[in-house]
Amino acid sequence: MNLAWALEWRMAAIKNGIKGALAYRGEFLVGLIGSAIVPVGIQLMLWYAIFQSGNTTHFAGMDYPELLAYTWTSLLFSQIRGGDYDFELIEQIRTGTLSNFLLRPVGVVEFVFFQGFGEKLYTALVCLFFGLIATIFTKLTVIHLLMGLFLAILGNIIAYLLGASLAAAAFYWENAFAVLMVKNMVVSLLCGEVLPLSIVPEKYSFIWKSTPFYLFVYGPTQIALGKWDTHQFYAEVGFALLWILGFWAALKILWTYSINRYQGIGG
């Protein structure tokens, strides 16, 4: 019976996330477009300055059309990565509303994830729609687009597990929001959202290769553009699954230990 309740709660959370995105689709689409303006604007201005004003033909091993293709393609995957639902965990710990979930068949960490994941699935469908349109006018292929979206979704799971693990700091520190803010800044720099990671000199590339963040945007973009072959795709999926298992284990340990400090008093 508990398993049936748990499955029902998971499906209800996903449906609520999708319904929420659909109910506020105008606000949702505006937010989607707004979040894309800054990284796209930065990249377009930078590429123009380098190629048009700098009188060069290649940058980071790519020419002007390739960098433009990276900018527009990475836009699809940058909308799928991350999310603010790990901040919701901290808010529930801080305000004491976490108590509402302690007796339910699905834990708060799972419920918040599935609810936010439902919204991200809707976002992925929107990105897939625009990506399919792009395949008509560009060299993008449907199979590579789907492979990139799949890796980006795995990246979203990694991002949440990491954020949820860090959210356990709220059991010890009232201002734990700062932890997630720092994490988001690091992720933005190392995921390839603002600039392609190929600009990093080879001797320093171990920095981003040693983190899972490149799986969020840079990796899916490389796959979608055909820069990485099928063998590389399977390897990256394998790495993503290992990161998911690692962060899931860390999450279970941190929350099992930290929740003993929870008093449910609220802020």
C-alpha atoms as a PDB file:
ATOM      1  CA  MET A   1       0.000   0.000   0.000  1.00  0.00           C
ATOM      2  CA  ASN A   2       2.835   2.410   0.899  1.00  0.00           C
ATOM      3  CA  LEU A   3       4.488   1.738  -2.470  1.00  0.00           C
ATOM      4  CA  ALA A   4       1.233   2.503  -4.279  1.00  0.00           C
ATOM      5  CA  TRP A   5       0.855   5.743  -2.305  1.00  0.00           C
ATOM      6  CA  ALA A   6       4.456   6.702  -3.056  1.00  0.00           C
ATOM      7  CA  LEU A   7       3.977   6.152  -6.792  1.00  0.00           C
ATOM      8  CA  GLU A   8       0.743   8.111  -6.695  1.00  0.00           C
ATOM      9  CA  TRP A   9       2.457  11.005  -4.926  1.00  0.00           C
ATOM     10  CA  ARG A  10       5.289  11.021  -7.464  1.00  0.00           C
ATOM     11  CA  MET A  11       2.899  11.103 -10.410  1.00  0.00           C
ATOM     12  CA  ALA A  12       0.769  13.769  -8.709  1.00  0.00           C
ATOM     13  CA  ALA A  13       3.863  15.912  -8.118  1.00  0.00           C
ATOM     14  CA  ILE A  14       4.934  15.654 -11.775  1.00  0.00           C
ATOM     15  CA  LYS A  15       1.394  16.453 -12.954  1.00  0.00           C
ATOM     16  CA  ASN A  16       1.229  19.453 -10.616  1.00  0.00           C
ATOM     17  CA  GLY A  17       4.508  20.742 -12.023  1.00  0.00           C
ATOM     18  CA  ILE A  18       3.277  20.407 -15.607  1.00  0.00           C
ATOM     19  CA  LYS A  19      -0.128  21.883 -14.755  1.00  0.00           C
ATOM     20  CA  GLY A  20       1.555  24.807 -13.031  1.00  0.00           C
ATOM     21  CA  ALA A  21       3.638  25.538 -16.124  1.00  0.00           C
ATOM     22  CA  LEU A  22       0.554  25.256 -18.338  1.00  0.00           C
ATOM     23  CA  ALA A  23      -1.659  27.345 -16.064  1.00  0.00           C
ATOM     24  CA  TYR A  24       0.824  30.196 -16.106  1.00  0.00           C
ATOM     25  CA  ARG A  25       2.123  29.564 -19.601  1.00  0.00           C
ATOM     26  CA  GLY A  26       2.303  33.286 -20.421  1.00  0.00           C
ATOM     27  CA  GLU A  27       4.439  34.040 -17.386  1.00  0.00           C
ATOM     28  CA  PHE A  28       6.336  30.801 -17.938  1.00  0.00           C
ATOM     29  CA  LEU A  29       7.245  31.657 -21.538  1.00  0.00           C
ATOM     30  CA  VAL A  30       8.226  35.216 -20.597  1.00  0.00           C
ATOM     31  CA  GLY A  31      10.507  33.840 -17.893  1.00  0.00           C
ATOM     32  CA  LEU A  32      11.930  31.327 -20.343  1.00  0.00           C
ATOM     33  CA  ILE A  33      12.746  34.031 -22.869  1.00  0.00           C
ATOM     34  CA  GLY A  34      14.020  36.432 -20.213  1.00  0.00           C
ATOM     35  CA  SER A  35      16.469  33.910 -18.781  1.00  0.00           C
ATOM     36  CA  ALA A  36      17.893  33.358 -22.259  1.00  0.00           C
ATOM     37  CA  ILE A  37      18.535  36.992 -23.144  1.00  0.00           C
ATOM     38  CA  VAL A  38      21.606  37.569 -20.950  1.00  0.00           C
ATOM     39  CA  PRO A  39      23.814  34.603 -21.989  1.00  0.00           C
ATOM     40  CA  VAL A  40      22.809  34.925 -25.646  1.00  0.00           C
ATOM     41  CA  GLY A  41      23.403  38.668 -25.634  1.00  0.00           C
ATOM     42  CA  ILE A  42      26.834  38.267 -24.027  1.00  0.00           C
ATOM     43  CA  GLN A  43      27.901  35.643 -26.537  1.00  0.00           C
ATOM     44  CA  LEU A  44      26.636  37.483 -29.621  1.00  0.00           C
ATOM     45  CA  MET A  45      28.380  40.708 -28.617  1.00  0.00           C
ATOM     46  CA  LEU A  46      31.581  38.833 -27.813  1.00  0.00           C
ATOM     47  CA  TRP A  47      31.627  36.925 -31.111  1.00  0.00           C
ATOM     48  CA  TYR A  48      30.971  40.148 -33.026  1.00  0.00           C
ATOM     49  CA  ALA A  49      33.800  41.934 -31.214  1.00  0.00           C
ATOM     50  CA  ILE A  50      36.242  39.081 -31.825  1.00  0.00           C
ATOM     51  CA  PHE A  51      35.472  38.368 -35.474  1.00  0.00           C
ATOM     52  CA  GLN A  52      34.203  41.643 -36.882  1.00  0.00           C
ATOM     53  CA  SER A  53      36.374  44.044 -34.925  1.00  0.00           C
ATOM     54  CA  GLY A  54      39.325  41.757 -34.189  1.00  0.00           C
ATOM     55  CA  ASN A  55      39.851  40.649 -37.788  1.00  0.00           C
ATOM     56  CA  THR A  56      40.297  36.977 -36.883  1.00  0.00           C
ATOM     57  CA  THR A  57      38.867  33.840 -38.458  1.00  0.00           C
ATOM     58  CA  HIS A  58      38.930  31.332 -35.583  1.00  0.00           C
ATOM     59  CA  PHE A  59      38.446  31.447 -31.832  1.00  0.00           C
ATOM     60  CA  ALA A  60      38.791  28.448 -29.496  1.00  0.00           C
ATOM     61  CA  GLY A  61      39.056  26.216 -32.565  1.00  0.00           C
ATOM     62  CA  MET A  62      35.749  27.429 -34.032  1.00  0.00           C
ATOM     63  CA  ASP A  63      34.899  29.894 -36.764  1.00  0.00           C
ATOM     64  CA  TYR A  64      32.159  32.518 -36.613  1.00  0.00           C
ATOM     65  CA  PRO A  65      29.289  30.326 -37.945  1.00  0.00           C
ATOM     66  CA  GLU A  66      30.251  27.513 -35.541  1.00  0.00           C
ATOM     67  CA  LEU A  67      30.209  29.836 -32.552  1.00  0.00           C
ATOM     68  CA  LEU A  68      26.838  31.237 -33.587  1.00  0.00           C
ATOM     69  CA  ALA A  69      25.542  27.665 -33.917  1.00  0.00           C
ATOM     70  CA  TYR A  70      26.837  26.936 -30.415  1.00  0.00           C
ATOM     71  CA  THR A  71      25.095  30.018 -29.024  1.00  0.00           C
ATOM     72  CA  TRP A  72      21.671  29.215 -30.461  1.00  0.00           C
ATOM     73  CA  THR A  73      21.880  25.483 -29.750  1.00  0.00           C
ATOM     74  CA  SER A  74      23.100  25.869 -26.173  1.00  0.00           C
ATOM     75  CA  LEU A  75      20.095  28.092 -25.586  1.00  0.00           C
ATOM     76  CA  LEU A  76      17.840  25.024 -25.796  1.00  0.00           C
ATOM     77  CA  PHE A  77      19.711  23.155 -23.061  1.00  0.00           C
ATOM     78  CA  SER A  78      20.394  26.086 -20.735  1.00  0.00           C
ATOM     79  CA  GLN A  79      16.629  26.299 -20.149  1.00  0.00           C
ATOM     80  CA  ILE A  80      16.511  22.691 -18.930  1.00  0.00           C
ATOM     81  CA  ARG A  81      19.382  22.832 -16.483  1.00  0.00           C
ATOM     82  CA  GLY A  82      18.966  23.568 -12.805  1.00  0.00           C
ATOM     83  CA  GLY A  83      15.866  25.192 -11.405  1.00  0.00           C
ATOM     84  CA  ASP A  84      15.046  26.854  -8.110  1.00  0.00           C
ATOM     85  CA  TYR A  85      13.297  23.954  -6.434  1.00  0.00           C
ATOM     86  CA  ASP A  86      16.294  23.253  -4.199  1.00  0.00           C
ATOM     87  CA  PHE A  87      15.694  26.737  -2.750  1.00  0.00           C
ATOM     88  CA  GLU A  88      12.197  25.517  -1.865  1.00  0.00           C
ATOM     89  CA  LEU A  89      13.733  22.860   0.375  1.00  0.00           C
ATOM     90  CA  ILE A  90      15.645  25.469   2.356  1.00  0.00           C
ATOM     91  CA  GLU A  91      12.528  27.613   2.686  1.00  0.00           C
ATOM     92  CA  GLN A  92      10.518  24.669   4.021  1.00  0.00           C
ATOM     93  CA  ILE A  93      13.212  23.892   6.583  1.00  0.00           C
ATOM     94  CA  ARG A  94      13.443  27.545   7.615  1.00  0.00           C
ATOM     95  CA  THR A  95       9.690  28.096   7.961  1.00  0.00           C
ATOM     96  CA  GLY A  96       8.858  24.711   9.473  1.00  0.00           C
ATOM     97  CA  THR A  97       6.530  23.635   6.649  1.00  0.00           C
ATOM     98  CA  LEU A  98       8.747  20.580   6.237  1.00  0.00           C
ATOM     99  CA  SER A  99       6.629  19.047   9.024  1.00  0.00           C
ATOM    100  CA  ASN A 100       3.744  18.615   6.571  1.00  0.00           C
ATOM    101  CA  PHE A 101       5.737  15.994   4.656  1.00  0.00           C
ATOM    102  CA  LEU A 102       7.217  13.939   7.475  1.00  0.00           C
ATOM    103  CA  LEU A 103       4.202  11.594   7.756  1.00  0.00           C
ATOM    104  CA  ARG A 104       3.512  11.303   4.022  1.00  0.00           C
ATOM    105  CA  PRO A 105       4.525   8.286   1.907  1.00  0.00           C
ATOM    106  CA  VAL A 106       6.915  10.425  -0.170  1.00  0.00           C
ATOM    107  CA  GLY A 107       9.624  12.516   1.468  1.00  0.00           C
ATOM    108  CA  VAL A 108       9.868  16.262   0.920  1.00  0.00           C
ATOM    109  CA  VAL A 109      13.070  15.890  -1.126  1.00  0.00           C
ATOM    110  CA  GLU A 110      11.345  13.537  -3.565  1.00  0.00           C
ATOM    111  CA  PHE A 111       8.132  15.538  -3.717  1.00  0.00           C
ATOM    112  CA  VAL A 112       9.883  18.843  -4.439  1.00  0.00           C
ATOM    113  CA  PHE A 113      12.012  17.159  -7.097  1.00  0.00           C
ATOM    114  CA  PHE A 114       9.139  15.523  -8.954  1.00  0.00           C
ATOM    115  CA  GLN A 115       7.086  18.707  -8.850  1.00  0.00           C
ATOM    116  CA  GLY A 116       9.954  20.768 -10.248  1.00  0.00           C
ATOM    117  CA  PHE A 117      10.888  17.999 -12.664  1.00  0.00           C
ATOM    118  CA  GLY A 118       7.391  18.110 -14.146  1.00  0.00           C
ATOM    119  CA  GLU A 119       7.935  21.767 -15.047  1.00  0.00           C
ATOM    120  CA  LYS A 120      11.329  20.958 -16.535  1.00  0.00           C
ATOM    121  CA  LEU A 121       9.802  18.204 -18.660  1.00  0.00           C
ATOM    122  CA  TYR A 122       7.380  20.774 -20.043  1.00  0.00           C
ATOM    123  CA  THR A 123      10.347  23.073 -20.703  1.00  0.00           C
ATOM    124  CA  ALA A 124      12.127  20.222 -22.496  1.00  0.00           C
ATOM    125  CA  LEU A 125       9.072  19.715 -24.730  1.00  0.00           C
ATOM    126  CA  VAL A 126       9.055  23.428 -25.599  1.00  0.00           C
ATOM    127  CA  CYS A 127      12.782  23.288 -26.395  1.00  0.00           C
ATOM    128  CA  LEU A 128      12.226  20.140 -28.465  1.00  0.00           C
ATOM    129  CA  PHE A 129       9.561  21.961 -30.473  1.00  0.00           C
ATOM    130  CA  PHE A 130      11.902  24.849 -31.299  1.00  0.00           C
ATOM    131  CA  GLY A 131      14.751  22.419 -31.897  1.00  0.00           C
ATOM    132  CA  LEU A 132      12.695  20.471 -34.428  1.00  0.00           C
ATOM    133  CA  ILE A 133      11.966  23.711 -36.249  1.00  0.00           C
ATOM    134  CA  ALA A 134      15.703  24.463 -36.255  1.00  0.00           C
ATOM    135  CA  THR A 135      16.455  21.106 -37.919  1.00  0.00           C
ATOM    136  CA  ILE A 136      14.595  22.371 -40.992  1.00  0.00           C
ATOM    137  CA  PHE A 137      16.880  25.372 -41.464  1.00  0.00           C
ATOM    138  CA  THR A 138      20.176  24.191 -39.954  1.00  0.00           C
ATOM    139  CA  LYS A 139      22.420  21.149 -39.889  1.00  0.00           C
ATOM    140  CA  LEU A 140      20.889  19.890 -36.639  1.00  0.00           C
ATOM    141  CA  THR A 141      19.493  16.374 -36.863  1.00  0.00           C
ATOM    142  CA  VAL A 142      16.544  15.027 -34.888  1.00  0.00           C
ATOM    143  CA  ILE A 143      18.486  12.099 -33.436  1.00  0.00           C
ATOM    144  CA  HIS A 144      21.324  14.305 -32.181  1.00  0.00           C
ATOM    145  CA  LEU A 145      18.813  16.774 -30.772  1.00  0.00           C
ATOM    146  CA  LEU A 146      17.050  14.003 -28.836  1.00  0.00           C
ATOM    147  CA  MET A 147      20.378  12.678 -27.558  1.00  0.00           C
ATOM    148  CA  GLY A 148      21.320  16.156 -26.353  1.00  0.00           C
ATOM    149  CA  LEU A 149      17.968  16.625 -24.613  1.00  0.00           C
ATOM    150  CA  PHE A 150      18.309  13.275 -22.868  1.00  0.00           C
ATOM    151  CA  LEU A 151      21.749  14.191 -21.514  1.00  0.00           C
ATOM    152  CA  ALA A 152      20.451  17.618 -20.455  1.00  0.00           C
ATOM    153  CA  ILE A 153      17.626  15.965 -18.488  1.00  0.00           C
ATOM    154  CA  LEU A 154      20.161  13.750 -16.717  1.00  0.00           C
ATOM    155  CA  GLY A 155      22.094  16.931 -15.989  1.00  0.00           C
ATOM    156  CA  ASN A 156      18.986  18.448 -14.434  1.00  0.00           C
ATOM    157  CA  ILE A 157      18.711  15.475 -12.087  1.00  0.00           C
ATOM    158  CA  ILE A 158      22.362  15.902 -11.090  1.00  0.00           C
ATOM    159  CA  ALA A 159      21.825  19.614 -10.481  1.00  0.00           C
ATOM    160  CA  TYR A 160      18.898  18.949  -8.158  1.00  0.00           C
ATOM    161  CA  LEU A 161      20.623  16.189  -6.197  1.00  0.00           C
ATOM    162  CA  LEU A 162      23.595  18.485  -5.644  1.00  0.00           C
ATOM    163  CA  GLY A 163      21.347  21.391  -4.643  1.00  0.00           C
ATOM    164  CA  ALA A 164      19.265  19.212  -2.322  1.00  0.00           C
ATOM    165  CA  SER A 165      22.428  17.905  -0.665  1.00  0.00           C
ATOM    166  CA  LEU A 166      23.637  21.454  -0.074  1.00  0.00           C
ATOM    167  CA  ALA A 167      20.169  22.413   1.202  1.00  0.00           C
ATOM    168  CA  ALA A 168      20.862  20.218   4.236  1.00  0.00           C
ATOM    169  CA  ALA A 169      22.993  23.159   5.442  1.00  0.00           C
ATOM    170  CA  ALA A 170      19.693  24.846   6.373  1.00  0.00           C
ATOM    171  CA  PHE A 171      19.434  22.478   9.335  1.00  0.00           C
ATOM    172  CA  TYR A 172      22.568  24.125  10.723  1.00  0.00           C
ATOM    173  CA  TRP A 173      22.616  27.629   9.243  1.00  0.00           C
ATOM    174  CA  GLU A 174      19.661  29.969   8.847  1.00  0.00           C
ATOM    175  CA  ASN A 175      21.243  31.833   5.906  1.00  0.00           C
ATOM    176  CA  ALA A 176      21.921  28.685   3.888  1.00  0.00           C
ATOM    177  CA  PHE A 177      20.542  30.384   0.758  1.00  0.00           C
ATOM    178  CA  ALA A 178      24.060  31.751   0.227  1.00  0.00           C
ATOM    179  CA  VAL A 179      25.367  28.202  -0.283  1.00  0.00           C
ATOM    180  CA  LEU A 180      23.018  27.629  -3.220  1.00  0.00           C
ATOM    181  CA  MET A 181      23.756  31.083  -4.647  1.00  0.00           C
ATOM    182  CA  VAL A 182      27.480  30.309  -4.748  1.00  0.00           C
ATOM    183  CA  LYS A 183      26.736  26.910  -6.268  1.00  0.00           C
ATOM    184  CA  ASN A 184      24.636  28.523  -9.015  1.00  0.00           C
ATOM    185  CA  MET A 185      27.406  30.984  -9.884  1.00  0.00           C
ATOM    186  CA  VAL A 186      29.976  28.193 -10.161  1.00  0.00           C
ATOM    187  CA  VAL A 187      27.597  26.101 -12.270  1.00  0.00           C
ATOM    188  CA  SER A 188      26.888  29.020 -14.629  1.00  0.00           C
ATOM    189  CA  LEU A 189      30.607  29.409 -15.235  1.00  0.00           C
ATOM    190  CA  LEU A 190      31.466  25.717 -15.667  1.00  0.00           C
ATOM    191  CA  CYS A 191      28.405  24.399 -17.506  1.00  0.00           C
ATOM    192  CA  GLY A 192      29.084  26.201 -20.802  1.00  0.00           C
ATOM    193  CA  GLU A 193      25.989  28.384 -20.626  1.00  0.00           C
ATOM    194  CA  VAL A 194      27.748  31.743 -20.889  1.00  0.00           C
ATOM    195  CA  LEU A 195      30.780  30.664 -22.951  1.00  0.00           C
ATOM    196  CA  PRO A 196      31.764  27.357 -24.602  1.00  0.00           C
ATOM    197  CA  LEU A 197      34.204  25.425 -22.450  1.00  0.00           C
ATOM    198  CA  SER A 198      36.476  24.885 -25.452  1.00  0.00           C
ATOM    199  CA  ILE A 199      37.903  28.366 -24.788  1.00  0.00           C
ATOM    200  CA  VAL A 200      39.616  26.968 -21.689  1.00  0.00           C
ATOM    201  CA  PRO A 201      43.270  26.108 -22.483  1.00  0.00           C
ATOM    202  CA  GLU A 202      43.874  22.372 -22.678  1.00  0.00           C
ATOM    203  CA  LYS A 203      46.186  22.342 -19.652  1.00  0.00           C
ATOM    204  CA  TYR A 204      43.348  23.764 -17.531  1.00  0.00           C
ATOM    205  CA  SER A 205      40.521  21.742 -19.050  1.00  0.00           C
ATOM    206  CA  PHE A 206      40.751  19.242 -16.182  1.00  0.00           C
ATOM    207  CA  ILE A 207      38.938  21.848 -14.068  1.00  0.00           C
ATOM    208  CA  TRP A 208      35.633  21.540 -15.902  1.00  0.00           C
ATOM    209  CA  LYS A 209      36.127  17.898 -16.899  1.00  0.00           C
ATOM    210  CA  SER A 210      36.410  16.916 -13.228  1.00  0.00           C
ATOM    211  CA  THR A 211      32.935  18.294 -12.455  1.00  0.00           C
ATOM    212  CA  PRO A 212      29.515  17.136 -13.688  1.00  0.00           C
ATOM    213  CA  PHE A 213      28.532  20.667 -14.690  1.00  0.00           C
ATOM    214  CA  TYR A 214      29.586  20.351 -18.330  1.00  0.00           C
ATOM    215  CA  LEU A 215      26.847  17.725 -18.683  1.00  0.00           C
ATOM    216  CA  PHE A 216      24.221  20.445 -18.186  1.00  0.00           C
ATOM    217  CA  VAL A 217      24.785  22.582 -21.306  1.00  0.00           C
ATOM    218  CA  TYR A 218      28.171  22.145 -23.001  1.00  0.00           C
ATOM    219  CA  GLY A 219      27.943  18.368 -23.391  1.00  0.00           C
ATOM    220  CA  PRO A 220      24.380  18.309 -24.765  1.00  0.00           C
ATOM    221  CA  THR A 221      25.285  21.117 -27.178  1.00  0.00           C
ATOM    222  CA  GLN A 222      28.328  19.261 -28.478  1.00  0.00           C
ATOM    223  CA  ILE A 223      26.199  16.163 -29.027  1.00  0.00           C
ATOM    224  CA  ALA A 224      23.401  18.091 -30.754  1.00  0.00           C
ATOM    225  CA  LEU A 225      25.905  19.751 -33.087  1.00  0.00           C
ATOM    226  CA  GLY A 226      27.498  16.406 -33.941  1.00  0.00           C
ATOM    227  CA  LYS A 227      30.839  17.353 -32.374  1.00  0.00           C
ATOM    228  CA  TRP A 228      30.743  14.272 -30.155  1.00  0.00           C
ATOM    229  CA  ASP A 229      30.006  10.882 -31.684  1.00  0.00           C
ATOM    230  CA  THR A 230      27.714   8.126 -30.394  1.00  0.00           C
ATOM    231  CA  HIS A 231      30.467   6.461 -28.370  1.00  0.00           C
ATOM    232  CA  GLN A 232      31.140   9.751 -26.602  1.00  0.00           C
ATOM    233  CA  PHE A 233      27.414  10.136 -25.934  1.00  0.00           C
ATOM    234  CA  TYR A 234      27.206   6.725 -24.247  1.00  0.00           C
ATOM    235  CA  ALA A 235      30.315   7.527 -22.220  1.00  0.00           C
ATOM    236  CA  GLU A 236      28.795  10.819 -21.035  1.00  0.00           C
ATOM    237  CA  VAL A 237      25.521   9.090 -20.135  1.00  0.00           C
ATOM    238  CA  GLY A 238      27.555   6.601 -18.099  1.00  0.00           C
ATOM    239  CA  PHE A 239      29.368   9.440 -16.324  1.00  0.00           C
ATOM    240  CA  ALA A 240      26.029  11.153 -15.650  1.00  0.00           C
ATOM    241  CA  LEU A 241      24.565   8.002 -14.085  1.00  0.00           C
ATOM    242  CA  LEU A 242      27.622   7.636 -11.854  1.00  0.00           C
ATOM    243  CA  TRP A 243      27.276  11.239 -10.703  1.00  0.00           C
ATOM    244  CA  ILE A 244      23.567  10.652 -10.036  1.00  0.00           C
ATOM    245  CA  LEU A 245      24.318   7.601  -7.889  1.00  0.00           C
ATOM    246  CA  GLY A 246      27.046   9.461  -6.015  1.00  0.00           C
ATOM    247  CA  PHE A 247      24.953  12.529  -5.260  1.00  0.00           C
ATOM    248  CA  TRP A 248      21.927  10.383  -4.382  1.00  0.00           C
ATOM    249  CA  ALA A 249      23.995   8.498  -1.806  1.00  0.00           C
ATOM    250  CA  ALA A 250      25.360  11.776  -0.421  1.00  0.00           C
ATOM    251  CA  LEU A 251      21.845  13.198  -0.268  1.00  0.00           C
ATOM    252  CA  LYS A 252      20.484  10.214   1.669  1.00  0.00           C
ATOM    253  CA  ILE A 253      23.350  10.357   4.170  1.00  0.00           C
ATOM    254  CA  LEU A 254      23.202  14.125   4.692  1.00  0.00           C
ATOM    255  CA  TRP A 255      19.423  14.290   5.126  1.00  0.00           C
ATOM    256  CA  THR A 256      19.217  11.184   7.317  1.00  0.00           C
ATOM    257  CA  TYR A 257      21.807  12.671   9.650  1.00  0.00           C
ATOM    258  CA  SER A 258      20.734  16.312   9.480  1.00  0.00           C
ATOM    259  CA  ILE A 259      16.982  15.899   9.910  1.00  0.00           C
ATOM    260  CA  ASN A 260      17.616  14.808  13.497  1.00  0.00           C
ATOM    261  CA  ARG A 261      18.291  18.473  14.217  1.00  0.00           C
ATOM    262  CA  TYR A 262      14.926  19.546  12.794  1.00  0.00           C
ATOM    263  CA  GLN A 263      12.467  20.926  15.372  1.00  0.00           C
ATOM    264  CA  GLY A 264       9.657  22.146  13.087  1.00  0.00           C
ATOM    265  CA  ILE A 265       9.426  25.506  14.858  1.00  0.00           C
ATOM    266  CA  GLY A 266       9.798  27.662  11.734  1.00  0.00           C
ATOM    267  CA  GLY A 267      11.337  31.080  11.120  1.00  0.00           C
END
